[in-house]
């Protein structure tokens, strides 16, 4: 997993938990701990989650029943499955 995906995932969890997303730090005003042993500072771009949009989808009833057996929330399950599929696709494209 790369830093972009890690930070984006962390932000999604913060939103899910109802936490406030902090304002990004200004790179020029970062405070560096003189006691820290650092090799580099990096900037990581992250995507803030957008608002939820209601959609209609068509799905095999057996697949829907299988989802309902393992998930308390269909929308959340499908959104997570889509995120994971997109991550795998990006990893294949980067390889």
PDB file of N, CA and C in Angstrom:
ATOM      1  N   UNK A   1       0.852  -1.172   0.000  1.00  0.00           N
ATOM      2  CA  UNK A   1       0.000   0.000   0.000  1.00  0.00           C
ATOM      3  C   UNK A   1       0.898   1.235   0.000  1.00  0.00           C
ATOM      4  N   UNK A   2       0.533   2.223  -0.774  1.00  0.00           N
ATOM      5  CA  UNK A   2       1.358   3.423  -0.787  1.00  0.00           C
ATOM      6  C   UNK A   2       0.789   4.490   0.148  1.00  0.00           C
ATOM      7  N   UNK A   3       1.537   5.546   0.341  1.00  0.00           N
ATOM      8  CA  UNK A   3       1.158   6.595   1.304  1.00  0.00           C
ATOM      9  C   UNK A   3      -0.174   7.246   0.940  1.00  0.00           C
ATOM     10  N   UNK A   4      -0.400   7.465  -0.353  1.00  0.00           N
ATOM     11  CA  UNK A   4      -1.656   8.085  -0.807  1.00  0.00           C
ATOM     12  C   UNK A   4      -2.852   7.240  -0.375  1.00  0.00           C
ATOM     13  N   UNK A   5      -2.790   5.940  -0.634  1.00  0.00           N
ATOM     14  CA  UNK A   5      -3.910   5.071  -0.290  1.00  0.00           C
ATOM     15  C   UNK A   5      -4.059   4.931   1.220  1.00  0.00           C
ATOM     16  N   UNK A   6      -2.946   4.900   1.936  1.00  0.00           N
ATOM     17  CA  UNK A   6      -2.998   4.800   3.397  1.00  0.00           C
ATOM     18  C   UNK A   6      -3.664   6.038   3.995  1.00  0.00           C
ATOM     19  N   UNK A   7      -3.264   7.214   3.532  1.00  0.00           N
ATOM     20  CA  UNK A   7      -3.850   8.449   4.059  1.00  0.00           C
ATOM     21  C   UNK A   7      -5.323   8.564   3.674  1.00  0.00           C
ATOM     22  N   UNK A   8      -5.659   8.227   2.438  1.00  0.00           N
ATOM     23  CA  UNK A   8      -7.063   8.277   2.010  1.00  0.00           C
ATOM     24  C   UNK A   8      -7.916   7.330   2.841  1.00  0.00           C
ATOM     25  N   UNK A   9      -7.399   6.126   3.115  1.00  0.00           N
ATOM     26  CA  UNK A   9      -8.125   5.174   3.951  1.00  0.00           C
ATOM     27  C   UNK A   9      -8.313   5.683   5.370  1.00  0.00           C
ATOM     28  N   UNK A  10      -7.277   6.327   5.896  1.00  0.00           N
ATOM     29  CA  UNK A  10      -7.365   6.883   7.249  1.00  0.00           C
ATOM     30  C   UNK A  10      -8.423   7.988   7.294  1.00  0.00           C
ATOM     31  N   UNK A  11      -8.439   8.833   6.294  1.00  0.00           N
ATOM     32  CA  UNK A  11      -9.433   9.910   6.235  1.00  0.00           C
ATOM     33  C   UNK A  11     -10.842   9.331   6.147  1.00  0.00           C
ATOM     34  N   UNK A  12     -11.037   8.290   5.347  1.00  0.00           N
ATOM     35  CA  UNK A  12     -12.359   7.657   5.255  1.00  0.00           C
ATOM     36  C   UNK A  12     -12.810   7.126   6.613  1.00  0.00           C
ATOM     37  N   UNK A  13     -11.891   6.514   7.348  1.00  0.00           N
ATOM     38  CA  UNK A  13     -12.235   6.005   8.675  1.00  0.00           C
ATOM     39  C   UNK A  13     -12.576   7.148   9.631  1.00  0.00           C
ATOM     40  N   UNK A  14     -11.849   8.268   9.528  1.00  0.00           N
ATOM     41  CA  UNK A  14     -12.153   9.423  10.373  1.00  0.00           C
ATOM     42  C   UNK A  14     -13.560   9.934  10.078  1.00  0.00           C
ATOM     43  N   UNK A  15     -13.914  10.024   8.799  1.00  0.00           N
ATOM     44  CA  UNK A  15     -15.258  10.475   8.414  1.00  0.00           C
ATOM     45  C   UNK A  15     -16.292   9.488   8.940  1.00  0.00           C
ATOM     46  N   UNK A  16     -16.032   8.209   8.782  1.00  0.00           N
ATOM     47  CA  UNK A  16     -16.947   7.170   9.255  1.00  0.00           C
ATOM     48  C   UNK A  16     -17.164   7.276  10.757  1.00  0.00           C
ATOM     49  N   UNK A  17     -16.110   7.615  11.503  1.00  0.00           N
ATOM     50  CA  UNK A  17     -16.191   7.748  12.958  1.00  0.00           C
ATOM     51  C   UNK A  17     -16.697   9.113  13.409  1.00  0.00           C
ATOM     52  N   UNK A  18     -16.994  10.009  12.454  1.00  0.00           N
ATOM     53  CA  UNK A  18     -17.509  11.329  12.792  1.00  0.00           C
ATOM     54  C   UNK A  18     -16.450  12.304  13.276  1.00  0.00           C
ATOM     55  N   UNK A  19     -15.182  11.995  13.012  1.00  0.00           N
ATOM     56  CA  UNK A  19     -14.097  12.884  13.442  1.00  0.00           C
ATOM     57  C   UNK A  19     -13.914  14.022  12.435  1.00  0.00           C
ATOM     58  N   UNK A  20     -13.433  15.146  12.936  1.00  0.00           N
ATOM     59  CA  UNK A  20     -13.154  16.297  12.073  1.00  0.00           C
ATOM     60  C   UNK A  20     -11.830  16.073  11.336  1.00  0.00           C
ATOM     61  N   UNK A  21     -11.827  16.375  10.044  1.00  0.00           N
ATOM     62  CA  UNK A  21     -10.610  16.238   9.246  1.00  0.00           C
ATOM     63  C   UNK A  21      -9.774  17.501   9.450  1.00  0.00           C
ATOM     64  N   UNK A  22      -8.530  17.362   9.924  1.00  0.00           N
ATOM     65  CA  UNK A  22      -7.703  18.550  10.153  1.00  0.00           C
ATOM     66  C   UNK A  22      -7.285  19.209   8.844  1.00  0.00           C
ATOM     67  N   UNK A  23      -7.026  20.496   8.920  1.00  0.00           N
ATOM     68  CA  UNK A  23      -6.536  21.242   7.767  1.00  0.00           C
ATOM     69  C   UNK A  23      -5.108  20.785   7.473  1.00  0.00           C
ATOM     70  N   UNK A  24      -4.759  20.555   6.205  1.00  0.00           N
ATOM     71  CA  UNK A  24      -3.386  20.129   5.903  1.00  0.00           C
ATOM     72  C   UNK A  24      -2.355  21.138   6.396  1.00  0.00           C
ATOM     73  N   UNK A  25      -1.214  20.632   6.811  1.00  0.00           N
ATOM     74  CA  UNK A  25      -0.122  21.489   7.276  1.00  0.00           C
ATOM     75  C   UNK A  25       0.503  22.224   6.099  1.00  0.00           C
ATOM     76  N   UNK A  26       0.881  23.462   6.338  1.00  0.00           N
ATOM     77  CA  UNK A  26       1.616  24.230   5.333  1.00  0.00           C
ATOM     78  C   UNK A  26       3.059  23.735   5.342  1.00  0.00           C
ATOM     79  N   UNK A  27       3.539  23.264   4.211  1.00  0.00           N
ATOM     80  CA  UNK A  27       4.861  22.655   4.130  1.00  0.00           C
ATOM     81  C   UNK A  27       5.958  23.591   4.635  1.00  0.00           C
ATOM     82  N   UNK A  28       5.841  24.877   4.340  1.00  0.00           N
ATOM     83  CA  UNK A  28       6.873  25.838   4.746  1.00  0.00           C
ATOM     84  C   UNK A  28       6.882  26.107   6.249  1.00  0.00           C
ATOM     85  N   UNK A  29       5.803  25.775   6.936  1.00  0.00           N
ATOM     86  CA  UNK A  29       5.712  26.051   8.366  1.00  0.00           C
ATOM     87  C   UNK A  29       5.736  24.794   9.236  1.00  0.00           C
ATOM     88  N   UNK A  30       6.219  23.685   8.699  1.00  0.00           N
ATOM     89  CA  UNK A  30       6.293  22.455   9.488  1.00  0.00           C
ATOM     90  C   UNK A  30       7.324  22.602  10.598  1.00  0.00           C
ATOM     91  N   UNK A  31       6.961  22.135  11.770  1.00  0.00           N
ATOM     92  CA  UNK A  31       7.900  22.134  12.885  1.00  0.00           C
ATOM     93  C   UNK A  31       8.620  20.794  12.884  1.00  0.00           C
ATOM     94  N   UNK A  32       9.933  20.835  12.826  1.00  0.00           N
ATOM     95  CA  UNK A  32      10.733  19.619  12.786  1.00  0.00           C
ATOM     96  C   UNK A  32      11.359  19.403  14.152  1.00  0.00           C
ATOM     97  N   UNK A  33      11.155  18.222  14.680  1.00  0.00           N
ATOM     98  CA  UNK A  33      11.714  17.858  15.977  1.00  0.00           C
ATOM     99  C   UNK A  33      13.215  17.639  15.807  1.00  0.00           C
ATOM    100  N   UNK A  34      14.048  18.439  16.479  1.00  0.00           N
ATOM    101  CA  UNK A  34      15.501  18.279  16.327  1.00  0.00           C
ATOM    102  C   UNK A  34      16.007  16.938  16.849  1.00  0.00           C
ATOM    103  N   UNK A  35      15.213  16.283  17.698  1.00  0.00           N
ATOM    104  CA  UNK A  35      15.607  14.983  18.245  1.00  0.00           C
ATOM    105  C   UNK A  35      15.244  13.832  17.298  1.00  0.00           C
ATOM    106  N   UNK A  36      14.410  14.115  16.297  1.00  0.00           N
ATOM    107  CA  UNK A  36      13.960  13.057  15.387  1.00  0.00           C
ATOM    108  C   UNK A  36      15.039  12.747  14.364  1.00  0.00           C
ATOM    109  N   UNK A  37      15.207  11.475  14.103  1.00  0.00           N
ATOM    110  CA  UNK A  37      16.155  11.019  13.087  1.00  0.00           C
ATOM    111  C   UNK A  37      15.356  10.834  11.797  1.00  0.00           C
ATOM    112  N   UNK A  38      15.436  11.824  10.899  1.00  0.00           N
ATOM    113  CA  UNK A  38      14.624  11.803   9.684  1.00  0.00           C
ATOM    114  C   UNK A  38      15.503  11.778   8.446  1.00  0.00           C
ATOM    115  N   UNK A  39      14.996  11.085   7.437  1.00  0.00           N
ATOM    116  CA  UNK A  39      15.695  11.059   6.157  1.00  0.00           C
ATOM    117  C   UNK A  39      15.079  12.070   5.195  1.00  0.00           C
ATOM    118  N   UNK A  40      13.759  12.278   5.292  1.00  0.00           N
ATOM    119  CA  UNK A  40      13.091  13.176   4.346  1.00  0.00           C
ATOM    120  C   UNK A  40      11.706  13.554   4.855  1.00  0.00           C
ATOM    121  N   UNK A  41      11.214  14.653   4.349  1.00  0.00           N
ATOM    122  CA  UNK A  41       9.815  15.033   4.524  1.00  0.00           C
ATOM    123  C   UNK A  41       9.131  14.787   3.188  1.00  0.00           C
ATOM    124  N   UNK A  42       7.937  14.274   3.231  1.00  0.00           N
ATOM    125  CA  UNK A  42       7.213  14.015   1.992  1.00  0.00           C
ATOM    126  C   UNK A  42       5.835  14.655   2.061  1.00  0.00           C
ATOM    127  N   UNK A  43       5.337  15.000   0.907  1.00  0.00           N
ATOM    128  CA  UNK A  43       3.972  15.504   0.798  1.00  0.00           C
ATOM    129  C   UNK A  43       3.132  14.380   0.201  1.00  0.00           C
ATOM    130  N   UNK A  44       1.968  14.151   0.795  1.00  0.00           N
ATOM    131  CA  UNK A  44       1.086  13.096   0.328  1.00  0.00           C
ATOM    132  C   UNK A  44      -0.262  13.715  -0.011  1.00  0.00           C
ATOM    133  N   UNK A  45      -0.706  13.485  -1.227  1.00  0.00           N
ATOM    134  CA  UNK A  45      -2.015  13.979  -1.657  1.00  0.00           C
ATOM    135  C   UNK A  45      -3.069  12.971  -1.234  1.00  0.00           C
ATOM    136  N   UNK A  46      -4.184  13.449  -0.743  1.00  0.00           N
ATOM    137  CA  UNK A  46      -5.280  12.565  -0.355  1.00  0.00           C
ATOM    138  C   UNK A  46      -6.585  13.145  -0.871  1.00  0.00           C
ATOM    139  N   UNK A  47      -7.518  12.258  -1.086  1.00  0.00           N
ATOM    140  CA  UNK A  47      -8.829  12.679  -1.562  1.00  0.00           C
ATOM    141  C   UNK A  47      -9.807  12.680  -0.402  1.00  0.00           C
ATOM    142  N   UNK A  48     -10.500  13.794  -0.227  1.00  0.00           N
ATOM    143  CA  UNK A  48     -11.545  13.841   0.784  1.00  0.00           C
ATOM    144  C   UNK A  48     -12.782  13.163   0.214  1.00  0.00           C
ATOM    145  N   UNK A  49     -13.467  12.380   1.012  1.00  0.00           N
ATOM    146  CA  UNK A  49     -14.658  11.711   0.507  1.00  0.00           C
ATOM    147  C   UNK A  49     -15.746  12.721   0.167  1.00  0.00           C
ATOM    148  N   UNK A  50     -16.467  12.435  -0.884  1.00  0.00           N
ATOM    149  CA  UNK A  50     -17.575  13.296  -1.302  1.00  0.00           C
ATOM    150  C   UNK A  50     -18.851  12.904  -0.584  1.00  0.00           C
ATOM    151  N   UNK A  51     -19.883  13.583  -0.913  1.00  0.00           N
ATOM    152  CA  UNK A  51     -21.174  13.274  -0.301  1.00  0.00           C
ATOM    153  C   UNK A  51     -21.730  12.001  -0.934  1.00  0.00           C
ATOM    154  N   UNK A  52     -22.545  11.300  -0.197  1.00  0.00           N
ATOM    155  CA  UNK A  52     -23.165  10.079  -0.707  1.00  0.00           C
ATOM    156  C   UNK A  52     -24.227  10.439  -1.729  1.00  0.00           C
ATOM    157  N   UNK A  53     -24.306   9.634  -2.772  1.00  0.00           N
ATOM    158  CA  UNK A  53     -25.286   9.835  -3.842  1.00  0.00           C
ATOM    159  C   UNK A  53     -26.099   8.561  -3.982  1.00  0.00           C
ATOM    160  N   UNK A  54     -27.396   8.702  -3.996  1.00  0.00           N
ATOM    161  CA  UNK A  54     -28.271   7.535  -4.138  1.00  0.00           C
ATOM    162  C   UNK A  54     -28.271   7.096  -5.600  1.00  0.00           C
ATOM    163  N   UNK A  55     -28.094   5.785  -5.811  1.00  0.00           N
ATOM    164  CA  UNK A  55     -28.111   5.231  -7.165  1.00  0.00           C
ATOM    165  C   UNK A  55     -28.990   3.980  -7.185  1.00  0.00           C
ATOM    166  N   UNK A  56     -29.390   3.576  -8.360  1.00  0.00           N
ATOM    167  CA  UNK A  56     -30.108   2.317  -8.544  1.00  0.00           C
ATOM    168  C   UNK A  56     -29.188   1.363  -9.284  1.00  0.00           C
ATOM    169  N   UNK A  57     -29.084   0.141  -8.801  1.00  0.00           N
ATOM    170  CA  UNK A  57     -28.269  -0.865  -9.464  1.00  0.00           C
ATOM    171  C   UNK A  57     -29.100  -2.132  -9.638  1.00  0.00           C
ATOM    172  N   UNK A  58     -28.727  -2.923 -10.617  1.00  0.00           N
ATOM    173  CA  UNK A  58     -29.355  -4.214 -10.847  1.00  0.00           C
ATOM    174  C   UNK A  58     -28.328  -5.277 -10.500  1.00  0.00           C
ATOM    175  N   UNK A  59     -28.764  -6.278  -9.729  1.00  0.00           N
ATOM    176  CA  UNK A  59     -27.831  -7.290  -9.257  1.00  0.00           C
ATOM    177  C   UNK A  59     -28.554  -8.629  -9.161  1.00  0.00           C
ATOM    178  N   UNK A  60     -27.828  -9.698  -9.401  1.00  0.00           N
ATOM    179  CA  UNK A  60     -28.356 -11.043  -9.246  1.00  0.00           C
ATOM    180  C   UNK A  60     -28.876 -11.220  -7.820  1.00  0.00           C
ATOM    181  N   UNK A  61     -30.077 -11.795  -7.689  1.00  0.00           N
ATOM    182  CA  UNK A  61     -30.680 -11.915  -6.363  1.00  0.00           C
ATOM    183  C   UNK A  61     -29.881 -12.824  -5.435  1.00  0.00           C
ATOM    184  N   UNK A  62     -29.213 -13.828  -5.978  1.00  0.00           N
ATOM    185  CA  UNK A  62     -28.372 -14.698  -5.148  1.00  0.00           C
ATOM    186  C   UNK A  62     -27.177 -13.948  -4.595  1.00  0.00           C
ATOM    187  N   UNK A  63     -26.573 -13.090  -5.426  1.00  0.00           N
ATOM    188  CA  UNK A  63     -25.448 -12.278  -4.969  1.00  0.00           C
ATOM    189  C   UNK A  63     -25.899 -11.303  -3.889  1.00  0.00           C
ATOM    190  N   UNK A  64     -27.068 -10.707  -4.090  1.00  0.00           N
ATOM    191  CA  UNK A  64     -27.607  -9.786  -3.091  1.00  0.00           C
ATOM    192  C   UNK A  64     -27.880 -10.510  -1.760  1.00  0.00           C
ATOM    193  N   UNK A  65     -28.402 -11.712  -1.841  1.00  0.00           N
ATOM    194  CA  UNK A  65     -28.669 -12.487  -0.626  1.00  0.00           C
ATOM    195  C   UNK A  65     -27.355 -12.828   0.084  1.00  0.00           C
ATOM    196  N   UNK A  66     -26.311 -13.159  -0.684  1.00  0.00           N
ATOM    197  CA  UNK A  66     -25.007 -13.462  -0.083  1.00  0.00           C
ATOM    198  C   UNK A  66     -24.433 -12.229   0.614  1.00  0.00           C
ATOM    199  N   UNK A  67     -24.595 -11.054   0.016  1.00  0.00           N
ATOM    200  CA  UNK A  67     -24.132  -9.803   0.635  1.00  0.00           C
ATOM    201  C   UNK A  67     -24.884  -9.564   1.938  1.00  0.00           C
ATOM    202  N   UNK A  68     -26.193  -9.748   1.900  1.00  0.00           N
ATOM    203  CA  UNK A  68     -27.010  -9.507   3.092  1.00  0.00           C
ATOM    204  C   UNK A  68     -26.645 -10.439   4.250  1.00  0.00           C
ATOM    205  N   UNK A  69     -26.115 -11.624   3.944  1.00  0.00           N
ATOM    206  CA  UNK A  69     -25.711 -12.554   5.000  1.00  0.00           C
ATOM    207  C   UNK A  69     -24.469 -12.088   5.747  1.00  0.00           C
ATOM    208  N   UNK A  70     -23.615 -11.311   5.079  1.00  0.00           N
ATOM    209  CA  UNK A  70     -22.342 -10.924   5.704  1.00  0.00           C
ATOM    210  C   UNK A  70     -22.247  -9.438   6.037  1.00  0.00           C
ATOM    211  N   UNK A  71     -23.190  -8.635   5.569  1.00  0.00           N
ATOM    212  CA  UNK A  71     -23.081  -7.186   5.755  1.00  0.00           C
ATOM    213  C   UNK A  71     -24.344  -6.623   6.393  1.00  0.00           C
ATOM    214  N   UNK A  72     -24.140  -5.732   7.345  1.00  0.00           N
ATOM    215  CA  UNK A  72     -25.272  -5.053   7.972  1.00  0.00           C
ATOM    216  C   UNK A  72     -25.752  -3.885   7.108  1.00  0.00           C
ATOM    217  N   UNK A  73     -24.887  -3.433   6.204  1.00  0.00           N
ATOM    218  CA  UNK A  73     -25.187  -2.261   5.387  1.00  0.00           C
ATOM    219  C   UNK A  73     -24.775  -2.542   3.948  1.00  0.00           C
ATOM    220  N   UNK A  74     -25.741  -2.738   3.068  1.00  0.00           N
ATOM    221  CA  UNK A  74     -25.439  -3.041   1.662  1.00  0.00           C
ATOM    222  C   UNK A  74     -24.588  -1.963   1.011  1.00  0.00           C
ATOM    223  N   UNK A  75     -24.994  -0.727   1.186  1.00  0.00           N
ATOM    224  CA  UNK A  75     -24.283   0.378   0.533  1.00  0.00           C
ATOM    225  C   UNK A  75     -22.827   0.435   0.978  1.00  0.00           C
ATOM    226  N   UNK A  76     -22.611   0.308   2.278  1.00  0.00           N
ATOM    227  CA  UNK A  76     -21.251   0.331   2.797  1.00  0.00           C
ATOM    228  C   UNK A  76     -20.429  -0.832   2.273  1.00  0.00           C
ATOM    229  N   UNK A  77     -21.036  -2.005   2.212  1.00  0.00           N
ATOM    230  CA  UNK A  77     -20.349  -3.185   1.703  1.00  0.00           C
ATOM    231  C   UNK A  77     -19.955  -2.987   0.240  1.00  0.00           C
ATOM    232  N   UNK A  78     -20.903  -2.521  -0.571  1.00  0.00           N
ATOM    233  CA  UNK A  78     -20.622  -2.324  -1.994  1.00  0.00           C
ATOM    234  C   UNK A  78     -19.594  -1.220  -2.219  1.00  0.00           C
ATOM    235  N   UNK A  79     -19.660  -0.155  -1.428  1.00  0.00           N
ATOM    236  CA  UNK A  79     -18.673   0.921  -1.562  1.00  0.00           C
ATOM    237  C   UNK A  79     -17.278   0.412  -1.206  1.00  0.00           C
ATOM    238  N   UNK A  80     -17.157  -0.376  -0.128  1.00  0.00           N
ATOM    239  CA  UNK A  80     -15.858  -0.928   0.255  1.00  0.00           C
ATOM    240  C   UNK A  80     -15.342  -1.887  -0.807  1.00  0.00           C
ATOM    241  N   UNK A  81     -16.222  -2.716  -1.355  1.00  0.00           N
ATOM    242  CA  UNK A  81     -15.820  -3.641  -2.419  1.00  0.00           C
ATOM    243  C   UNK A  81     -15.328  -2.875  -3.639  1.00  0.00           C
ATOM    244  N   UNK A  82     -15.988  -1.764  -3.963  1.00  0.00           N
ATOM    245  CA  UNK A  82     -15.557  -0.949  -5.098  1.00  0.00           C
ATOM    246  C   UNK A  82     -14.198  -0.320  -4.832  1.00  0.00           C
ATOM    247  N   UNK A  83     -13.974   0.180  -3.610  1.00  0.00           N
ATOM    248  CA  UNK A  83     -12.664   0.754  -3.262  1.00  0.00           C
ATOM    249  C   UNK A  83     -11.555  -0.283  -3.407  1.00  0.00           C
ATOM    250  N   UNK A  84     -11.822  -1.486  -2.900  1.00  0.00           N
ATOM    251  CA  UNK A  84     -10.815  -2.549  -2.979  1.00  0.00           C
ATOM    252  C   UNK A  84     -10.542  -2.953  -4.426  1.00  0.00           C
ATOM    253  N   UNK A  85     -11.583  -3.023  -5.242  1.00  0.00           N
ATOM    254  CA  UNK A  85     -11.396  -3.362  -6.657  1.00  0.00           C
ATOM    255  C   UNK A  85     -10.605  -2.276  -7.372  1.00  0.00           C
ATOM    256  N   UNK A  86     -10.881  -1.017  -7.069  1.00  0.00           N
ATOM    257  CA  UNK A  86     -10.137   0.093  -7.683  1.00  0.00           C
ATOM    258  C   UNK A  86      -8.677   0.075  -7.255  1.00  0.00           C
ATOM    259  N   UNK A  87      -8.418  -0.244  -5.990  1.00  0.00           N
ATOM    260  CA  UNK A  87      -7.049  -0.337  -5.501  1.00  0.00           C
ATOM    261  C   UNK A  87      -6.295  -1.448  -6.232  1.00  0.00           C
ATOM    262  N   UNK A  88      -6.929  -2.617  -6.364  1.00  0.00           N
ATOM    263  CA  UNK A  88      -6.291  -3.723  -7.092  1.00  0.00           C
ATOM    264  C   UNK A  88      -6.014  -3.331  -8.540  1.00  0.00           C
ATOM    265  N   UNK A  89      -6.955  -2.628  -9.155  1.00  0.00           N
ATOM    266  CA  UNK A  89      -6.778  -2.198 -10.547  1.00  0.00           C
ATOM    267  C   UNK A  89      -5.597  -1.241 -10.674  1.00  0.00           C
ATOM    268  N   UNK A  90      -5.499  -0.282  -9.741  1.00  0.00           N
ATOM    269  CA  UNK A  90      -4.364   0.655  -9.764  1.00  0.00           C
ATOM    270  C   UNK A  90      -3.050  -0.075  -9.576  1.00  0.00           C
ATOM    271  N   UNK A  91      -3.037  -1.062  -8.690  1.00  0.00           N
ATOM    272  CA  UNK A  91      -1.809  -1.821  -8.441  1.00  0.00           C
ATOM    273  C   UNK A  91      -1.403  -2.607  -9.686  1.00  0.00           C
ATOM    274  N   UNK A  92      -2.389  -3.162 -10.406  1.00  0.00           N
ATOM    275  CA  UNK A  92      -2.071  -3.871 -11.645  1.00  0.00           C
ATOM    276  C   UNK A  92      -1.519  -2.929 -12.697  1.00  0.00           C
ATOM    277  N   UNK A  93      -2.101  -1.739 -12.767  1.00  0.00           N
ATOM    278  CA  UNK A  93      -1.641  -0.756 -13.753  1.00  0.00           C
ATOM    279  C   UNK A  93      -0.246  -0.248 -13.423  1.00  0.00           C
ATOM    280  N   UNK A  94       0.087  -0.171 -12.128  1.00  0.00           N
ATOM    281  CA  UNK A  94       1.404   0.316 -11.713  1.00  0.00           C
ATOM    282  C   UNK A  94       2.500  -0.740 -11.853  1.00  0.00           C
ATOM    283  N   UNK A  95       2.091  -2.009 -11.931  1.00  0.00           N
ATOM    284  CA  UNK A  95       3.070  -3.105 -11.994  1.00  0.00           C
ATOM    285  C   UNK A  95       3.716  -3.229 -13.361  1.00  0.00           C
TER     286      UNK A  95
END
